[in-house]
Amino acid sequence: LSVGDVITLGLPTSPTVNTRNRWAWDIEEFDNIVASSWLDQTSSNAASSINPTTGTSPSTTQSNELVFAAFGYGSRTFTPSTGSLFTVSPQQKTTAGSSDRSLSNEWKFVTATGTQVATGKFSAPASAAAYVGLLATYKTTGALSAVTGTLSLADGAGFAGTFVAPLLSDNRTYLL
């Protein structure tokens, strides 16, 4: 992507497909993801627990990778696992009664092959809750860093927003 590019997010409008009226998303930008065949391993878990997890991924195929995890859940406070060196992105939250939705992302760079898992804990209220946890590992070129930039986005229902940060270049992958 280049400066001025637009990311458009579309949600299904059919009532049989899209029964939710609130959505949360986050755009993260990372430097030095390989240009092709960038996705390496994934894991996912959908359950109800006070301690959500993504499930454990298969072992990464190369040593330098980005590990990115996302948790989707209802209204509560989520604390990511702090002992596993993840960087935590700001929680994205919609609010409107009993249908609140939240999205919490965390990521880290690894320099050795191995399995990956992300976990956390729900509080406020501190009780089991339904969630979906997803994890993906992305192959990097070896130089590991997060970068910044400005992106405009819009969805099919007319919502528009801007992701703001200071720098964009051609060597970026945008995770939505």
Protein backbone atom coordinates (compact mmCIF):
# COMPACT_ATOMS: atom_id res chain seq x y z
CA LEU A 1 0.00 0.00 0.00
CA SER A 2 1.05 3.54 -0.63
CA VAL A 3 0.15 6.86 0.95
CA GLY A 4 -3.38 7.75 -0.17
CA ASP A 5 -4.54 4.14 -0.61
CA VAL A 6 -7.89 3.25 0.96
CA ILE A 7 -8.83 0.03 2.75
CA THR A 8 -12.54 -0.71 2.37
CA LEU A 9 -14.23 -3.07 4.79
CA GLY A 10 -17.50 -4.66 3.71
CA LEU A 11 -19.97 -6.51 5.91
CA PRO A 12 -22.76 -8.74 4.60
CA THR A 13 -26.10 -6.93 4.53
CA SER A 14 -28.36 -9.97 4.31
CA PRO A 15 -30.21 -10.46 7.63
CA THR A 16 -29.62 -14.22 7.40
CA VAL A 17 -25.86 -13.67 7.18
CA ASN A 18 -25.28 -10.52 9.23
CA THR A 19 -27.30 -10.65 12.44
CA ARG A 20 -24.96 -8.29 14.31
CA ASN A 21 -25.38 -4.55 14.23
CA ARG A 22 -22.07 -3.62 15.86
CA TRP A 23 -18.58 -4.56 14.68
CA ALA A 24 -15.06 -3.83 15.91
CA TRP A 25 -11.88 -3.99 13.84
CA ASP A 26 -8.26 -2.97 14.13
CA ILE A 27 -5.60 -2.26 11.52
CA GLU A 28 -2.02 -3.16 12.40
CA GLU A 29 1.00 -2.44 10.21
CA PHE A 30 4.24 -4.42 10.30
CA ASP A 31 7.51 -4.04 8.46
CA ASN A 32 9.42 -6.74 6.58
CA ILE A 33 6.78 -9.42 6.01
CA VAL A 34 8.00 -11.55 3.09
CA ALA A 35 6.47 -10.63 -0.28
CA SER A 36 4.86 -14.00 -1.09
CA SER A 37 3.72 -17.09 0.83
CA TRP A 38 3.79 -14.92 3.95
CA LEU A 39 1.27 -16.85 6.07
CA ASP A 40 2.98 -19.72 7.90
CA GLN A 41 0.89 -21.26 10.71
CA THR A 42 -2.54 -20.69 12.27
CA SER A 43 -4.60 -21.83 15.22
CA SER A 44 -8.06 -21.00 16.49
CA ASN A 45 -10.34 -21.73 19.38
CA ALA A 46 -13.99 -20.90 20.09
CA ALA A 47 -15.17 -21.63 23.61
CA SER A 48 -16.45 -20.18 26.87
CA SER A 49 -13.87 -19.66 29.60
CA ILE A 50 -12.46 -17.09 32.00
CA ASN A 51 -9.03 -17.83 30.41
CA PRO A 52 -9.36 -17.52 26.61
CA THR A 53 -6.76 -19.11 24.35
CA THR A 54 -6.06 -19.23 20.63
CA GLY A 55 -5.08 -22.88 20.78
CA THR A 56 -1.54 -23.94 19.95
CA SER A 57 -0.23 -23.55 16.40
CA PRO A 58 1.97 -26.07 14.61
CA SER A 59 5.69 -25.26 14.78
CA THR A 60 6.77 -22.29 12.68
CA THR A 61 8.81 -23.17 9.60
CA GLN A 62 11.41 -20.43 9.96
CA SER A 63 13.02 -18.66 12.88
CA ASN A 64 12.06 -15.02 12.24
CA GLU A 65 8.29 -14.60 12.33
CA LEU A 66 5.54 -12.26 13.48
CA VAL A 67 2.99 -13.92 15.77
CA PHE A 68 -0.37 -12.12 15.67
CA ALA A 69 -3.34 -13.06 17.87
CA ALA A 70 -6.87 -11.68 18.01
CA PHE A 71 -9.66 -12.29 20.52
CA GLY A 72 -13.30 -11.45 19.82
CA TYR A 73 -15.75 -11.45 22.74
CA GLY A 74 -18.65 -9.66 24.42
CA SER A 75 -18.61 -6.95 27.04
CA ARG A 76 -15.83 -7.47 29.59
CA THR A 77 -12.27 -6.49 30.34
CA PHE A 78 -9.58 -8.66 28.73
CA THR A 79 -6.02 -8.91 30.03
CA PRO A 80 -3.57 -10.60 27.61
CA SER A 81 -0.96 -13.03 28.81
CA THR A 82 1.94 -10.88 30.01
CA GLY A 83 4.52 -13.63 30.46
CA SER A 84 4.81 -14.41 26.75
CA LEU A 85 6.26 -11.07 25.57
CA PHE A 86 3.26 -10.01 23.48
CA THR A 87 2.73 -6.34 22.69
CA VAL A 88 -0.89 -5.43 23.31
CA SER A 89 -2.89 -3.28 20.89
CA PRO A 90 -5.61 -0.99 22.26
CA GLN A 91 -8.92 -2.78 22.82
CA GLN A 92 -11.57 -1.98 20.20
CA LYS A 93 -15.05 -1.94 21.73
CA THR A 94 -18.59 -1.23 20.65
CA THR A 95 -21.21 -0.46 23.26
CA ALA A 96 -24.99 -0.58 23.12
CA GLY A 97 -26.63 -2.76 25.70
CA SER A 98 -26.47 -6.54 25.67
CA SER A 99 -24.89 -6.83 22.21
CA ASP A 100 -21.53 -5.22 23.03
CA ARG A 101 -18.57 -6.51 21.02
CA SER A 102 -14.86 -6.27 21.75
CA LEU A 103 -11.66 -7.04 19.87
CA SER A 104 -8.26 -7.39 21.52
CA ASN A 105 -5.08 -8.02 19.53
CA GLU A 106 -1.59 -8.88 20.66
CA TRP A 107 1.57 -9.60 18.72
CA LYS A 108 5.23 -10.46 19.09
CA PHE A 109 8.25 -11.23 16.95
CA VAL A 110 10.01 -14.56 17.47
CA THR A 111 13.55 -15.53 16.47
CA ALA A 112 13.35 -19.31 16.86
CA THR A 113 11.04 -21.95 15.43
CA GLY A 114 8.38 -23.43 17.68
CA THR A 115 4.69 -23.69 18.45
CA GLN A 116 2.82 -20.52 19.38
CA VAL A 117 -0.18 -19.76 21.62
CA ALA A 118 -1.77 -16.61 23.00
CA THR A 119 -3.85 -16.55 26.18
CA GLY A 120 -5.50 -14.06 28.46
CA LYS A 121 -7.98 -13.59 31.26
CA PHE A 122 -11.43 -12.00 31.46
CA SER A 123 -12.38 -9.66 34.29
CA ALA A 124 -15.02 -7.02 34.98
CA PRO A 125 -16.93 -9.30 35.31
CA ALA A 126 -14.49 -12.07 36.22
CA SER A 127 -16.44 -14.97 34.81
CA ALA A 128 -16.45 -17.32 31.84
CA ALA A 129 -17.50 -15.75 28.55
CA ALA A 130 -17.92 -16.90 24.97
CA TYR A 131 -14.99 -15.90 22.77
CA VAL A 132 -13.12 -16.69 19.59
CA GLY A 133 -9.31 -16.67 19.63
CA LEU A 134 -7.28 -16.66 16.41
CA LEU A 135 -3.52 -16.79 15.91
CA ALA A 136 -1.43 -16.52 12.76
CA THR A 137 2.31 -16.51 12.21
CA TYR A 138 3.81 -14.53 9.32
CA LYS A 139 7.23 -15.08 7.78
CA THR A 140 9.50 -12.05 7.99
CA THR A 141 12.68 -11.10 6.18
CA GLY A 142 14.60 -11.03 9.45
CA ALA A 143 14.61 -7.32 10.31
CA LEU A 144 11.74 -7.06 12.77
CA SER A 145 9.95 -3.81 13.54
CA ALA A 146 6.51 -2.26 13.72
CA VAL A 147 5.96 0.83 11.56
CA THR A 148 3.43 3.62 11.38
CA GLY A 149 1.25 5.40 8.78
CA THR A 150 -2.15 6.85 7.90
CA LEU A 151 -4.89 4.79 6.30
CA SER A 152 -8.47 5.74 5.58
CA LEU A 153 -11.11 3.04 5.74
CA ALA A 154 -14.84 2.64 5.13
CA ASP A 155 -17.35 -0.19 5.31
CA GLY A 156 -20.30 -0.97 3.06
CA ALA A 157 -22.77 0.57 5.53
CA GLY A 158 -21.19 4.02 5.34
CA PHE A 159 -18.91 3.92 8.40
CA ALA A 160 -15.61 5.64 7.73
CA GLY A 161 -12.53 6.09 9.87
CA THR A 162 -8.82 6.80 9.74
CA PHE A 163 -5.85 4.90 11.13
CA VAL A 164 -3.19 7.54 11.83
CA ALA A 165 0.55 7.09 12.26
CA PRO A 166 3.62 8.88 10.81
CA LEU A 167 5.13 6.69 8.01
CA LEU A 168 4.06 4.36 5.18
CA SER A 169 6.13 2.64 2.51
CA ASP A 170 5.73 -0.12 -0.08
CA ASN A 171 7.10 -2.97 2.11
CA ARG A 172 4.10 -3.40 4.42
CA THR A 173 1.37 -5.94 5.15
CA TYR A 174 -1.89 -4.74 6.67
CA LEU A 175 -3.73 -7.17 8.93
CA LEU A 176 -7.45 -6.54 9.34
